[in-house]
C-alpha atoms as a PDB file:
ATOM      1  CA  MET A   1      11.739 117.724 152.313  1.00  0.00           C
ATOM      2  CA  LYS A   2      12.159 118.395 148.640  1.00  0.00           C
ATOM      3  CA  GLN A   3       9.224 117.974 146.257  1.00  0.00           C
ATOM      4  CA  SER A   4       9.716 115.727 143.283  1.00  0.00           C
ATOM      5  CA  PRO A   5       9.812 117.342 139.815  1.00  0.00           C
ATOM      6  CA  PHE A   6       6.572 115.496 138.997  1.00  0.00           C
ATOM      7  CA  SER A   7       4.775 117.060 141.988  1.00  0.00           C
ATOM      8  CA  ILE A   8       6.015 120.499 141.030  1.00  0.00           C
ATOM      9  CA  VAL A   9       4.732 120.037 137.481  1.00  0.00           C
ATOM     10  CA  LYS A  10       1.312 118.941 138.766  1.00  0.00           C
ATOM     11  CA  LEU A  11       1.127 121.935 141.079  1.00  0.00           C
ATOM     12  CA  ALA A  12       2.103 124.262 138.248  1.00  0.00           C
ATOM     13  CA  LEU A  13      -0.545 122.778 135.935  1.00  0.00           C
ATOM     14  CA  PHE A  14      -3.203 123.047 138.631  1.00  0.00           C
ATOM     15  CA  THR A  15      -2.320 126.657 139.386  1.00  0.00           C
ATOM     16  CA  THR A  16      -2.279 127.564 135.690  1.00  0.00           C
ATOM     17  CA  THR A  17      -5.673 125.955 135.151  1.00  0.00           C
ATOM     18  CA  LEU A  18      -7.093 127.671 138.212  1.00  0.00           C
ATOM     19  CA  LEU A  19      -5.856 131.073 137.120  1.00  0.00           C
ATOM     20  CA  THR A  20      -7.086 130.807 133.525  1.00  0.00           C
ATOM     21  CA  ILE A  21     -10.571 129.373 134.008  1.00  0.00           C
ATOM     22  CA  GLY A  22     -13.115 130.993 136.310  1.00  0.00           C
ATOM     23  CA  CYS A  23     -16.301 129.148 137.261  1.00  0.00           C
ATOM     24  CA  GLY A  24     -18.501 131.527 135.270  1.00  0.00           C
ATOM     25  CA  THR A  25     -16.254 131.020 132.258  1.00  0.00           C
ATOM     26  CA  MET A  26     -16.617 127.248 132.558  1.00  0.00           C
ATOM     27  CA  PHE A  27     -20.399 127.587 132.165  1.00  0.00           C
ATOM     28  CA  LYS A  28     -20.325 129.899 129.126  1.00  0.00           C
ATOM     29  CA  PRO A  29     -21.809 127.202 126.832  1.00  0.00           C
ATOM     30  CA  THR A  30     -24.783 127.088 129.216  1.00  0.00           C
ATOM     31  CA  THR A  31     -25.258 130.810 129.791  1.00  0.00           C
ATOM     32  CA  HIS A  32     -24.153 132.310 126.460  1.00  0.00           C
ATOM     33  CA  ARG A  33     -27.133 131.149 124.452  1.00  0.00           C
ATOM     34  CA  PRO A  34     -29.225 133.190 122.002  1.00  0.00           C
ATOM     35  CA  ILE A  35     -31.815 135.442 123.623  1.00  0.00           C
ATOM     36  CA  GLN A  36     -35.289 134.139 122.800  1.00  0.00           C
ATOM     37  CA  ILE A  37     -38.701 135.743 123.209  1.00  0.00           C
ATOM     38  CA  TYR A  38     -42.051 133.902 123.002  1.00  0.00           C
ATOM     39  CA  THR A  39     -45.421 135.632 123.316  1.00  0.00           C
ATOM     40  CA  GLU A  40     -48.740 134.539 124.714  1.00  0.00           C
ATOM     41  CA  PRO A  41     -51.103 134.825 122.982  1.00  0.00           C
ATOM     42  CA  MET A  42     -49.495 133.795 119.745  1.00  0.00           C
ATOM     43  CA  GLU A  43     -49.307 136.141 116.745  1.00  0.00           C
ATOM     44  CA  ALA A  44     -48.630 139.108 118.980  1.00  0.00           C
ATOM     45  CA  SER A  45     -46.386 141.761 117.424  1.00  0.00           C
ATOM     46  CA  ILE A  46     -42.849 141.904 118.786  1.00  0.00           C
ATOM     47  CA  TYR A  47     -41.121 145.292 118.720  1.00  0.00           C
ATOM     48  CA  LEU A  48     -37.421 145.585 119.486  1.00  0.00           C
ATOM     49  CA  ASP A  49     -36.343 149.149 120.293  1.00  0.00           C
ATOM     50  CA  ASP A  50     -39.573 150.400 118.631  1.00  0.00           C
ATOM     51  CA  GLU A  51     -39.050 148.409 115.415  1.00  0.00           C
ATOM     52  CA  LYS A  52     -41.471 145.587 114.602  1.00  0.00           C
ATOM     53  CA  VAL A  53     -39.238 142.566 114.109  1.00  0.00           C
ATOM     54  CA  SER A  54     -41.475 139.498 114.358  1.00  0.00           C
ATOM     55  CA  GLU A  55     -44.623 137.871 115.714  1.00  0.00           C
ATOM     56  CA  THR A  56     -44.844 135.170 118.427  1.00  0.00           C
ATOM     57  CA  PHE A  57     -41.088 134.459 118.416  1.00  0.00           C
ATOM     58  CA  HIS A  58     -37.839 136.388 118.166  1.00  0.00           C
ATOM     59  CA  GLN A  59     -34.214 135.529 118.755  1.00  0.00           C
ATOM     60  CA  ILE A  60     -30.994 137.511 119.123  1.00  0.00           C
ATOM     61  CA  ASP A  61     -27.560 135.950 118.816  1.00  0.00           C
ATOM     62  CA  TYR A  62     -25.833 136.227 122.165  1.00  0.00           C
ATOM     63  CA  PRO A  63     -24.237 139.709 122.339  1.00  0.00           C
ATOM     64  CA  VAL A  64     -20.577 139.021 123.111  1.00  0.00           C
ATOM     65  CA  LYS A  65     -18.796 141.626 125.281  1.00  0.00           C
ATOM     66  CA  SER A  66     -21.711 144.026 125.126  1.00  0.00           C
ATOM     67  CA  ASP A  67     -23.631 145.863 127.822  1.00  0.00           C
ATOM     68  CA  LYS A  68     -26.505 146.920 125.580  1.00  0.00           C
ATOM     69  CA  LYS A  69     -30.038 146.791 126.967  1.00  0.00           C
ATOM     70  CA  PHE A  70     -32.684 145.301 124.692  1.00  0.00           C
ATOM     71  CA  THR A  71     -36.181 146.756 125.056  1.00  0.00           C
ATOM     72  CA  TYR A  72     -39.008 144.580 123.768  1.00  0.00           C
ATOM     73  CA  ARG A  73     -42.635 145.679 123.455  1.00  0.00           C
ATOM     74  CA  ILE A  74     -45.346 143.090 122.838  1.00  0.00           C
ATOM     75  CA  GLU A  75     -48.674 144.180 121.330  1.00  0.00           C
ATOM     76  CA  LYS A  76     -51.853 142.589 120.055  1.00  0.00           C
ATOM     77  CA  ASN A  77     -55.379 143.872 119.525  1.00  0.00           C
ATOM     78  CA  GLY A  78     -57.515 143.217 122.583  1.00  0.00           C
ATOM     79  CA  PHE A  79     -54.594 142.877 124.993  1.00  0.00           C
ATOM     80  CA  GLU A  80     -52.660 145.229 127.234  1.00  0.00           C
ATOM     81  CA  PRO A  81     -49.183 145.884 125.749  1.00  0.00           C
ATOM     82  CA  LYS A  82     -46.174 144.817 127.773  1.00  0.00           C
ATOM     83  CA  THR A  83     -42.602 146.072 127.755  1.00  0.00           C
ATOM     84  CA  ILE A  84     -39.647 144.068 129.032  1.00  0.00           C
ATOM     85  CA  VAL A  85     -35.985 144.956 129.198  1.00  0.00           C
ATOM     86  CA  ILE A  86     -33.294 142.321 128.785  1.00  0.00           C
ATOM     87  CA  GLU A  87     -29.950 143.269 130.278  1.00  0.00           C
ATOM     88  CA  LYS A  88     -26.959 141.617 131.821  1.00  0.00           C
ATOM     89  CA  LYS A  89     -27.243 140.248 135.340  1.00  0.00           C
ATOM     90  CA  PHE A  90     -24.782 138.562 137.657  1.00  0.00           C
ATOM     91  CA  ASN A  91     -23.944 135.000 136.608  1.00  0.00           C
ATOM     92  CA  LYS A  92     -24.880 132.753 139.535  1.00  0.00           C
ATOM     93  CA  PHE A  93     -22.268 130.178 138.503  1.00  0.00           C
ATOM     94  CA  ALA A  94     -19.571 132.701 139.360  1.00  0.00           C
ATOM     95  CA  TYR A  95     -20.377 132.188 143.053  1.00  0.00           C
ATOM     96  CA  TRP A  96     -18.422 128.929 142.822  1.00  0.00           C
ATOM     97  CA  ASN A  97     -15.307 131.083 142.662  1.00  0.00           C
ATOM     98  CA  LEU A  98     -15.749 131.676 146.394  1.00  0.00           C
ATOM     99  CA  LEU A  99     -14.811 128.057 147.093  1.00  0.00           C
ATOM    100  CA  THR A 100     -11.215 129.019 146.492  1.00  0.00           C
ATOM    101  CA  VAL A 101     -10.940 131.962 148.870  1.00  0.00           C
ATOM    102  CA  LEU A 102      -7.298 132.626 148.068  1.00  0.00           C
ATOM    103  CA  PHE A 103      -7.807 132.832 144.320  1.00  0.00           C
ATOM    104  CA  SER A 104     -11.432 134.058 144.155  1.00  0.00           C
ATOM    105  CA  PRO A 105     -10.566 137.719 143.378  1.00  0.00           C
ATOM    106  CA  VAL A 106      -8.452 136.566 140.443  1.00  0.00           C
ATOM    107  CA  LEU A 107     -11.152 134.143 139.260  1.00  0.00           C
ATOM    108  CA  PHE A 108     -13.818 136.856 139.357  1.00  0.00           C
ATOM    109  CA  LEU A 109     -11.485 139.050 137.302  1.00  0.00           C
ATOM    110  CA  ILE A 110     -10.972 136.243 134.780  1.00  0.00           C
ATOM    111  CA  ASP A 111     -14.745 135.751 134.469  1.00  0.00           C
ATOM    112  CA  HIS A 112     -15.193 139.470 133.908  1.00  0.00           C
ATOM    113  CA  THR A 113     -12.465 139.498 131.245  1.00  0.00           C
ATOM    114  CA  ASN A 114     -14.053 136.487 129.528  1.00  0.00           C
ATOM    115  CA  ASP A 115     -17.514 138.118 129.499  1.00  0.00           C
ATOM    116  CA  ALA A 116     -18.844 135.520 131.919  1.00  0.00           C
ATOM    117  CA  LEU A 117     -19.335 137.433 135.157  1.00  0.00           C
ATOM    118  CA  PHE A 118     -22.521 139.145 133.949  1.00  0.00           C
ATOM    119  CA  VAL A 119     -24.782 137.438 131.372  1.00  0.00           C
ATOM    120  CA  TYR A 120     -27.967 137.948 129.388  1.00  0.00           C
ATOM    121  CA  LYS A 121     -30.846 135.613 130.140  1.00  0.00           C
ATOM    122  CA  SER A 122     -33.988 134.857 128.143  1.00  0.00           C
ATOM    123  CA  PRO A 123     -37.390 135.002 129.868  1.00  0.00           C
ATOM    124  CA  GLU A 124     -38.156 131.554 131.276  1.00  0.00           C
ATOM    125  CA  GLU A 125     -41.859 131.742 130.429  1.00  0.00           C
ATOM    126  CA  ASN A 126     -43.832 133.039 127.492  1.00  0.00           C
ATOM    127  CA  ILE A 127     -44.466 136.760 127.809  1.00  0.00           C
ATOM    128  CA  LYS A 128     -48.150 136.807 128.718  1.00  0.00           C
ATOM    129  CA  LEU A 129     -50.458 139.705 127.914  1.00  0.00           C
ATOM    130  CA  ASP A 130     -53.526 140.597 129.963  1.00  0.00           C
ATOM    131  CA  VAL A 131     -56.848 141.187 128.235  1.00  0.00           C
ATOM    132  CA  ASN A 132     -57.686 144.783 127.339  1.00  0.00           C
ATOM    133  CA  GLU A 133     -60.521 144.842 124.817  1.00  0.00           C
ATOM    134  CA  LYS A 134     -60.037 148.556 124.138  1.00  0.00           C
ATOM    135  CA  PHE A 135     -56.440 148.315 122.955  1.00  0.00           C
ATOM    136  CA  LYS A 136     -55.765 148.557 119.217  1.00  0.00           C
ATOM    137  CA  GLU A 137     -52.294 148.244 117.764  1.00  0.00           C
ATOM    138  CA  LYS A 138     -51.250 151.188 115.616  1.00  0.00           C
ATOM    139  CA  THR A 139     -51.143 150.145 111.981  1.00  0.00           C
ATOM    140  CA  ASP A 140     -50.155 153.488 110.479  1.00  0.00           C
ATOM    141  CA  THR A 141     -46.554 153.480 111.731  1.00  0.00           C
ATOM    142  CA  THR A 142     -43.661 153.127 109.312  1.00  0.00           C
ATOM    143  CA  THR A 143     -42.287 150.023 110.990  1.00  0.00           C
ATOM    144  CA  TYR A 144     -45.678 148.250 111.013  1.00  0.00           C
ATOM    145  CA  LYS A 145     -46.238 148.999 107.308  1.00  0.00           C
ATOM    146  CA  GLN A 146     -42.721 147.860 106.458  1.00  0.00           C
ATOM    147  CA  PHE A 147     -43.222 144.550 108.237  1.00  0.00           C
ATOM    148  CA  GLU A 148     -46.512 143.947 106.413  1.00  0.00           C
ATOM    149  CA  SER A 149     -44.914 144.719 103.055  1.00  0.00           C
ATOM    150  CA  GLU A 150     -42.245 142.105 103.726  1.00  0.00           C
ATOM    151  CA  ARG A 151     -44.825 139.286 104.014  1.00  0.00           C
ATOM    152  CA  SER A 152     -45.252 138.986 100.257  1.00  0.00           C
ATOM    153  CA  LYS A 153     -41.501 138.468  99.847  1.00  0.00           C
ATOM    154  CA  VAL A 154     -41.591 135.154 101.720  1.00  0.00           C
ATOM    155  CA  LYS A 155     -44.608 133.637  99.960  1.00  0.00           C
ATOM    156  CA  ASN A 156     -42.450 130.907  98.410  1.00  0.00           C
ATOM    157  CA  ASN A 157     -40.342 130.196 101.493  1.00  0.00           C
ATOM    158  CA  LYS A 158     -40.371 126.868 103.270  1.00  0.00           C
ATOM    159  CA  GLY A 159     -42.279 126.180 106.457  1.00  0.00           C
ATOM    160  CA  LEU A 160     -41.616 123.820 109.341  1.00  0.00           C
ATOM    161  CA  ILE A 161     -43.643 120.838 110.551  1.00  0.00           C
ATOM    162  CA  LEU A 162     -42.634 120.073 114.113  1.00  0.00           C
ATOM    163  CA  PHE A 163     -43.722 117.126 116.275  1.00  0.00           C
ATOM    164  CA  ASP A 164     -43.567 117.158 120.056  1.00  0.00           C
ATOM    165  CA  GLY A 165     -41.504 114.625 121.991  1.00  0.00           C
ATOM    166  CA  TYR A 166     -44.266 112.108 122.762  1.00  0.00           C
ATOM    167  CA  VAL A 167     -44.281 110.307 119.435  1.00  0.00           C
ATOM    168  CA  THR A 168     -43.144 107.308 117.460  1.00  0.00           C
ATOM    169  CA  GLY A 169     -43.934 106.245 113.914  1.00  0.00           C
ATOM    170  CA  VAL A 170     -43.849 109.789 112.557  1.00  0.00           C
ATOM    171  CA  LEU A 171     -44.810 110.095 108.896  1.00  0.00           C
ATOM    172  CA  VAL A 172     -45.520 113.093 106.657  1.00  0.00           C
ATOM    173  CA  LYS A 173     -47.149 112.922 103.212  1.00  0.00           C
ATOM    174  CA  ASP A 174     -47.257 115.922 100.882  1.00  0.00           C
ATOM    175  CA  GLY A 175     -49.917 116.811  98.297  1.00  0.00           C
ATOM    176  CA  ASP A 176     -48.116 114.779  95.604  1.00  0.00           C
ATOM    177  CA  GLY A 177     -48.137 111.624  97.686  1.00  0.00           C
ATOM    178  CA  ASN A 178     -44.453 111.749  98.631  1.00  0.00           C
ATOM    179  CA  GLN A 179     -43.828 110.330 102.095  1.00  0.00           C
ATOM    180  CA  TYR A 180     -41.202 111.489 104.578  1.00  0.00           C
ATOM    181  CA  ASP A 181     -40.208 109.546 107.662  1.00  0.00           C
ATOM    182  CA  ILE A 182     -38.747 112.454 109.644  1.00  0.00           C
ATOM    183  CA  LYS A 183     -38.448 110.617 112.985  1.00  0.00           C
ATOM    184  CA  SER A 184     -39.798 113.637 114.886  1.00  0.00           C
ATOM    185  CA  ALA A 185     -36.869 115.889 113.824  1.00  0.00           C
ATOM    186  CA  PRO A 186     -37.588 119.430 112.532  1.00  0.00           C
ATOM    187  CA  PHE A 187     -38.148 119.156 108.787  1.00  0.00           C
ATOM    188  CA  LEU A 188     -38.657 121.990 106.297  1.00  0.00           C
ATOM    189  CA  PHE A 189     -41.244 121.758 103.526  1.00  0.00           C
ATOM    190  CA  LEU A 190     -42.467 123.969 100.729  1.00  0.00           C
ATOM    191  CA  PRO A 191     -45.926 125.373 101.570  1.00  0.00           C
ATOM    192  CA  GLY A 192     -48.908 123.210 100.727  1.00  0.00           C
ATOM    193  CA  ASN A 193     -51.304 120.558 102.010  1.00  0.00           C
ATOM    194  CA  PHE A 194     -50.029 117.625 104.065  1.00  0.00           C
ATOM    195  CA  GLU A 195     -51.104 114.555 105.962  1.00  0.00           C
ATOM    196  CA  VAL A 196     -49.242 113.878 109.197  1.00  0.00           C
ATOM    197  CA  GLN A 197     -49.232 110.656 111.159  1.00  0.00           C
ATOM    198  CA  SER A 198     -47.827 109.769 114.563  1.00  0.00           C
ATOM    199  CA  LYS A 199     -48.396 107.383 117.444  1.00  0.00           C
ATOM    200  CA  PHE A 200     -48.272 108.427 121.082  1.00  0.00           C
ATOM    201  CA  TYR A 201     -45.206 107.222 122.968  1.00  0.00           C
ATOM    202  CA  ILE A 202     -43.857 108.089 126.400  1.00  0.00           C
ATOM    203  CA  THR A 203     -41.230 106.840 128.833  1.00  0.00           C
ATOM    204  CA  TYR A 204     -41.386 107.894 132.479  1.00  0.00           C
ATOM    205  CA  ASP A 205     -40.139 106.901 135.927  1.00  0.00           C
ATOM    206  CA  SER A 206     -42.417 105.985 138.803  1.00  0.00           C
ATOM    207  CA  GLY A 207     -40.853 104.835 142.044  1.00  0.00           C
ATOM    208  CA  ASN A 208     -37.972 102.522 141.212  1.00  0.00           C
ATOM    209  CA  TYR A 209     -39.343 101.549 137.812  1.00  0.00           C
ATOM    210  CA  ARG A 210     -39.252 103.029 134.341  1.00  0.00           C
ATOM    211  CA  TYR A 211     -42.374 102.612 132.244  1.00  0.00           C
ATOM    212  CA  THR A 212     -42.965 102.862 128.519  1.00  0.00           C
ATOM    213  CA  ARG A 213     -46.435 103.428 127.098  1.00  0.00           C
ATOM    214  CA  THR A 214     -47.307 103.317 123.413  1.00  0.00           C
ATOM    215  CA  ALA A 215     -50.733 103.767 121.854  1.00  0.00           C
ATOM    216  CA  LYS A 216     -52.066 100.810 119.893  1.00  0.00           C
ATOM    217  CA  THR A 217     -53.013 102.898 116.900  1.00  0.00           C
ATOM    218  CA  PRO A 218     -51.591 106.021 115.247  1.00  0.00           C
ATOM    219  CA  VAL A 219     -53.604 109.049 114.212  1.00  0.00           C
ATOM    220  CA  THR A 220     -53.570 110.890 110.883  1.00  0.00           C
ATOM    221  CA  SER A 221     -54.447 114.565 110.418  1.00  0.00           C
ATOM    222  CA  LYS A 222     -54.513 117.003 107.520  1.00  0.00           C
ATOM    223  CA  LEU A 223     -52.892 120.428 107.670  1.00  0.00           C
ATOM    224  CA  THR A 224     -52.039 123.347 105.414  1.00  0.00           C
ATOM    225  CA  LEU A 225     -48.528 124.665 105.865  1.00  0.00           C
ATOM    226  CA  GLN A 226     -48.056 128.388 105.265  1.00  0.00           C
ATOM    227  CA  PRO A 227     -44.759 129.792 103.965  1.00  0.00           C
ATOM    228  CA  ALA A 228     -42.329 131.135 106.573  1.00  0.00           C
ATOM    229  CA  SER A 229     -44.381 129.596 109.377  1.00  0.00           C
ATOM    230  CA  VAL A 230     -44.402 126.648 111.765  1.00  0.00           C
ATOM    231  CA  THR A 231     -47.065 124.056 112.456  1.00  0.00           C
ATOM    232  CA  ALA A 232     -46.704 121.992 115.615  1.00  0.00           C
ATOM    233  CA  VAL A 233     -48.240 118.516 115.818  1.00  0.00           C
ATOM    234  CA  CYS A 234     -49.057 117.782 119.468  1.00  0.00           C
ATOM    235  CA  THR A 235     -49.639 114.064 120.045  1.00  0.00           C
ATOM    236  CA  ASP A 236     -51.586 112.748 123.036  1.00  0.00           C
ATOM    237  CA  PHE A 237     -53.452 109.653 124.211  1.00  0.00           C
ATOM    238  CA  ASP A 238     -57.167 108.879 124.376  1.00  0.00           C
ATOM    239  CA  HIS A 239     -57.683 106.389 127.236  1.00  0.00           C
ATOM    240  CA  ALA A 240     -61.218 105.487 126.181  1.00  0.00           C
ATOM    241  CA  LYS A 241     -60.244 104.568 122.613  1.00  0.00           C
ATOM    242  CA  GLN A 242     -56.700 103.499 123.485  1.00  0.00           C
ATOM    243  CA  SER A 243     -55.511 105.556 120.534  1.00  0.00           C
ATOM    244  CA  SER A 244     -53.449 108.599 119.676  1.00  0.00           C
ATOM    245  CA  THR A 245     -54.845 112.098 119.233  1.00  0.00           C
ATOM    246  CA  HIS A 246     -53.580 115.220 117.495  1.00  0.00           C
ATOM    247  CA  THR A 247     -53.766 118.907 118.310  1.00  0.00           C
ATOM    248  CA  LEU A 248     -52.438 121.107 115.502  1.00  0.00           C
ATOM    249  CA  ILE A 249     -51.032 124.544 116.294  1.00  0.00           C
ATOM    250  CA  SER A 250     -49.955 127.012 113.610  1.00  0.00           C
ATOM    251  CA  SER A 251     -47.844 130.136 114.023  1.00  0.00           C
ATOM    252  CA  GLY A 252     -50.241 131.901 111.630  1.00  0.00           C
ATOM    253  CA  LYS A 253     -49.570 134.223 108.706  1.00  0.00           C
ATOM    254  CA  PRO A 254     -46.221 134.165 106.887  1.00  0.00           C
ATOM    255  CA  ASN A 255     -43.688 135.877 109.119  1.00  0.00           C
ATOM    256  CA  PRO A 256     -40.805 137.668 107.363  1.00  0.00           C
ATOM    257  CA  TYR A 257     -38.574 136.992 110.355  1.00  0.00           C
ATOM    258  CA  LEU A 258     -39.076 133.240 109.800  1.00  0.00           C
ATOM    259  CA  GLY A 259     -37.753 133.521 106.240  1.00  0.00           C
ATOM    260  CA  SER A 260     -34.466 132.055 107.461  1.00  0.00           C
ATOM    261  CA  ASP A 261     -34.205 128.254 107.707  1.00  0.00           C
ATOM    262  CA  VAL A 262     -31.953 128.628 110.742  1.00  0.00           C
ATOM    263  CA  VAL A 263     -34.518 130.751 112.572  1.00  0.00           C
ATOM    264  CA  LEU A 264     -37.318 128.330 111.668  1.00  0.00           C
ATOM    265  CA  ARG A 265     -35.428 125.426 113.204  1.00  0.00           C
ATOM    266  CA  ASN A 266     -34.881 127.395 116.420  1.00  0.00           C
ATOM    267  CA  PHE A 267     -38.590 128.200 116.802  1.00  0.00           C
ATOM    268  CA  ASN A 268     -39.938 125.635 119.275  1.00  0.00           C
ATOM    269  CA  LEU A 269     -43.674 125.954 118.708  1.00  0.00           C
ATOM    270  CA  THR A 270     -44.320 122.717 120.630  1.00  0.00           C
ATOM    271  CA  ARG A 271     -44.012 124.760 123.845  1.00  0.00           C
ATOM    272  CA  TYR A 272     -47.610 125.840 123.055  1.00  0.00           C
ATOM    273  CA  CYS A 273     -48.887 122.247 123.016  1.00  0.00           C
ATOM    274  CA  PRO A 274     -51.608 121.669 125.644  1.00  0.00           C
ATOM    275  CA  GLU A 275     -50.847 119.722 128.801  1.00  0.00           C
ATOM    276  CA  LEU A 276     -50.889 115.979 128.178  1.00  0.00           C
ATOM    277  CA  LYS A 277     -54.273 114.358 128.783  1.00  0.00           C
ATOM    278  CA  PHE A 278     -52.393 111.093 129.155  1.00  0.00           C
ATOM    279  CA  TRP A 279     -51.929 111.917 132.836  1.00  0.00           C
ATOM    280  CA  GLU A 280     -55.616 112.607 133.523  1.00  0.00           C
ATOM    281  CA  LYS A 281     -56.369 108.977 134.273  1.00  0.00           C
ATOM    282  CA  ASP A 282     -53.723 108.961 137.020  1.00  0.00           C
ATOM    283  CA  LYS A 283     -55.154 112.144 138.546  1.00  0.00           C
ATOM    284  CA  LYS A 284     -58.592 110.662 139.080  1.00  0.00           C
END
């Protein structure tokens, strides 16, 4: 029985697609993301290949078609230093190639050619340091002194005020009385004194129902934004007062690495927000 021309075309298109896209390649947007490092405690020095590059947060653009190993060392006075190595590891999505036994060797080869068979992966958790009261970071090294000298060069740079996701009615007022309704999106400001306002808001599923809870009243707090830094506004709920609460977290001294607006926007300081007290009532 002869196949129709239409069937032959479909088979050809399917085969072409199969032979040009491996499963690992299909997930490149998911796996080929910038490498990010967060430290705990905050304000710990981050060294990359023995060069001090930042504090608390660092990011590397995804290294395309590279097998380089990246060696990070995290240090802070009073804590035991920690070294981690970030290198390529097998991409678990490539296992889907095995579903097509006949073509799997070709698909694995395609993934390898497309730099998708082995991938870099950021640490899932903050890099935590153990307490060591005797440890003192060396401050007489060339790279440490160079980093410190760069701080003064970012004294006029913008900073970032960042709200967590449990908010509505976000409002920011600067020292001149100008108001900004930033709707909880990352927003860059020149350094100075600010008032921030937000109201606790959350949506969650329980059983077969979706619930929305909003505090009756907002809360207003004052903060001082440093240049080349981030301040996170963590909003929560006070059950007794039925009102919103704020916890303010700052990344600390001006960080030369955060002199770039792009880097500032990628620095998710809200990951340091404390666990929501909103849930404490349900736990009792």
